[in-house]
């Protein structure tokens, strides 16, 4: 199975290459990511909806 690869960037977000997911996280390389927060009103209060992640997830 092929390891997931991420594009990596310098501090000015210039593309500098690719590295495996585990190398990116181990070395702290800059990489792009996406977060989506779902917010809803319920009973007059704001609630943020989160997705549960697999227990063995690395981050």
N, C-alpha and C. Protein backbone atom coordinates (compact mmCIF):
# COMPACT_ATOMS: atom_id res chain seq x y z
N UNK A 1 0.83 -1.19 0.00
CA UNK A 1 0.00 0.00 0.00
C UNK A 1 0.87 1.25 0.00
N UNK A 2 0.54 2.22 -0.85
CA UNK A 2 1.31 3.46 -0.93
C UNK A 2 1.03 4.35 0.27
N UNK A 3 2.07 4.96 0.79
CA UNK A 3 1.89 5.91 1.90
C UNK A 3 1.33 7.21 1.35
N UNK A 4 0.47 7.84 2.15
CA UNK A 4 -0.09 9.13 1.78
C UNK A 4 1.04 10.16 1.74
N UNK A 5 1.03 11.00 0.71
CA UNK A 5 2.07 12.02 0.55
C UNK A 5 1.43 13.40 0.57
N UNK A 6 2.13 14.34 1.20
CA UNK A 6 1.65 15.72 1.29
C UNK A 6 2.61 16.63 0.55
N UNK A 7 2.08 17.68 -0.06
CA UNK A 7 2.92 18.77 -0.55
C UNK A 7 3.43 19.51 0.68
N UNK A 8 4.69 19.94 0.63
CA UNK A 8 5.26 20.70 1.75
C UNK A 8 5.72 22.07 1.25
N UNK A 9 5.74 23.03 2.18
CA UNK A 9 5.97 24.44 1.85
C UNK A 9 6.95 25.06 2.82
N UNK A 10 7.59 26.16 2.38
CA UNK A 10 8.42 26.93 3.31
C UNK A 10 7.53 27.92 4.06
N UNK A 11 8.14 28.76 4.89
CA UNK A 11 7.38 29.69 5.73
C UNK A 11 6.61 30.74 4.94
N UNK A 12 6.98 30.96 3.66
CA UNK A 12 6.26 31.91 2.81
C UNK A 12 5.23 31.20 1.91
N UNK A 13 4.98 29.91 2.20
CA UNK A 13 4.05 29.05 1.46
C UNK A 13 4.46 28.81 0.02
N UNK A 14 5.78 28.82 -0.23
CA UNK A 14 6.30 28.40 -1.52
C UNK A 14 6.45 26.89 -1.49
N UNK A 15 5.95 26.22 -2.52
CA UNK A 15 6.03 24.76 -2.59
C UNK A 15 7.49 24.34 -2.67
N UNK A 16 7.88 23.38 -1.84
CA UNK A 16 9.27 22.92 -1.84
C UNK A 16 9.41 21.42 -2.10
N UNK A 17 8.29 20.71 -2.21
CA UNK A 17 8.38 19.29 -2.50
C UNK A 17 7.26 18.50 -1.86
N UNK A 18 7.52 17.22 -1.66
CA UNK A 18 6.55 16.32 -1.04
C UNK A 18 7.26 15.45 -0.01
N UNK A 19 6.46 14.98 0.94
CA UNK A 19 6.98 14.06 1.95
C UNK A 19 5.82 13.18 2.41
N UNK A 20 6.15 12.03 2.97
CA UNK A 20 5.10 11.14 3.48
C UNK A 20 4.41 11.79 4.66
N UNK A 21 3.18 11.37 4.92
CA UNK A 21 2.39 11.93 6.02
C UNK A 21 3.13 11.83 7.35
N UNK A 22 3.70 10.65 7.64
CA UNK A 22 4.38 10.49 8.93
C UNK A 22 5.64 11.36 9.01
N UNK A 23 6.36 11.53 7.90
CA UNK A 23 7.54 12.39 7.90
C UNK A 23 7.14 13.86 8.11
N UNK A 24 6.06 14.29 7.45
CA UNK A 24 5.58 15.67 7.61
C UNK A 24 5.28 15.97 9.08
N UNK A 25 4.57 15.06 9.73
CA UNK A 25 4.22 15.29 11.13
C UNK A 25 5.42 15.13 12.07
N UNK A 26 6.29 14.18 11.77
CA UNK A 26 7.47 13.97 12.61
C UNK A 26 8.43 15.16 12.52
N UNK A 27 8.62 15.70 11.30
CA UNK A 27 9.57 16.79 11.09
C UNK A 27 8.96 18.18 11.28
N UNK A 28 7.63 18.24 11.35
CA UNK A 28 6.97 19.54 11.52
C UNK A 28 6.96 20.39 10.27
N UNK A 29 6.97 19.75 9.09
CA UNK A 29 6.95 20.50 7.83
C UNK A 29 5.63 21.25 7.67
N UNK A 30 5.69 22.43 7.05
CA UNK A 30 4.49 23.18 6.72
C UNK A 30 3.73 22.42 5.65
N UNK A 31 2.42 22.28 5.81
CA UNK A 31 1.57 21.66 4.79
C UNK A 31 0.18 22.25 4.90
N UNK A 32 -0.57 22.15 3.82
CA UNK A 32 -1.91 22.72 3.82
C UNK A 32 -2.89 21.72 4.43
N UNK A 33 -3.90 22.26 5.08
CA UNK A 33 -4.92 21.44 5.70
C UNK A 33 -6.25 22.17 5.61
N UNK A 34 -7.31 21.47 5.91
CA UNK A 34 -8.64 22.07 5.85
C UNK A 34 -9.42 21.66 7.10
N UNK A 35 -10.07 22.61 7.72
CA UNK A 35 -10.94 22.34 8.86
C UNK A 35 -12.31 22.90 8.54
N UNK A 36 -13.33 22.15 8.80
CA UNK A 36 -14.70 22.59 8.58
C UNK A 36 -15.46 22.44 9.90
N UNK A 37 -15.93 23.53 10.43
CA UNK A 37 -16.68 23.52 11.69
C UNK A 37 -18.15 23.71 11.37
N UNK A 38 -18.97 22.80 11.84
CA UNK A 38 -20.41 22.91 11.67
C UNK A 38 -21.00 23.46 12.97
N UNK A 39 -21.72 24.57 12.84
CA UNK A 39 -22.32 25.21 14.01
C UNK A 39 -23.82 25.28 13.77
N UNK A 40 -24.58 24.94 14.79
CA UNK A 40 -26.03 25.02 14.66
C UNK A 40 -26.65 25.57 15.93
N UNK A 41 -27.82 26.13 15.77
CA UNK A 41 -28.59 26.62 16.91
C UNK A 41 -29.52 25.51 17.39
N UNK A 42 -29.54 25.30 18.67
CA UNK A 42 -30.47 24.34 19.26
C UNK A 42 -30.88 24.87 20.63
N UNK A 43 -32.15 25.00 20.81
CA UNK A 43 -32.70 25.45 22.10
C UNK A 43 -32.07 26.77 22.56
N UNK A 44 -31.87 27.68 21.60
CA UNK A 44 -31.34 28.99 21.92
C UNK A 44 -29.85 29.05 22.17
N UNK A 45 -29.14 27.96 21.95
CA UNK A 45 -27.69 27.92 22.17
C UNK A 45 -26.98 27.50 20.89
N UNK A 46 -25.72 27.92 20.76
CA UNK A 46 -24.89 27.49 19.64
C UNK A 46 -24.20 26.17 20.00
N UNK A 47 -24.17 25.25 19.07
CA UNK A 47 -23.50 23.97 19.25
C UNK A 47 -22.55 23.74 18.08
N UNK A 48 -21.35 23.26 18.38
CA UNK A 48 -20.39 22.87 17.35
C UNK A 48 -20.46 21.36 17.21
N UNK A 49 -20.55 20.90 15.96
CA UNK A 49 -20.67 19.46 15.68
C UNK A 49 -19.30 18.94 15.26
N UNK A 50 -18.81 17.92 15.95
CA UNK A 50 -17.52 17.32 15.63
C UNK A 50 -17.71 15.89 15.14
N UNK A 51 -16.80 15.45 14.29
CA UNK A 51 -16.79 14.07 13.83
C UNK A 51 -15.82 13.28 14.72
N UNK A 52 -16.26 12.15 15.20
CA UNK A 52 -15.35 11.29 15.96
C UNK A 52 -14.34 10.68 15.00
N UNK A 53 -13.08 10.61 15.46
CA UNK A 53 -12.01 10.06 14.63
C UNK A 53 -11.63 8.68 15.15
N UNK A 54 -11.04 7.93 14.28
CA UNK A 54 -10.57 6.61 14.61
C UNK A 54 -9.58 6.68 15.79
N UNK A 55 -9.67 5.74 16.71
CA UNK A 55 -8.83 5.75 17.92
C UNK A 55 -7.33 5.75 17.59
N UNK A 56 -6.92 5.10 16.51
CA UNK A 56 -5.51 4.99 16.16
C UNK A 56 -4.99 6.12 15.29
N UNK A 57 -5.78 7.19 15.10
CA UNK A 57 -5.36 8.29 14.24
C UNK A 57 -4.11 8.95 14.80
N UNK A 58 -3.16 9.32 13.93
CA UNK A 58 -1.88 9.83 14.40
C UNK A 58 -1.94 11.27 14.91
N UNK A 59 -2.93 12.02 14.50
CA UNK A 59 -3.03 13.42 14.98
C UNK A 59 -4.46 13.71 15.38
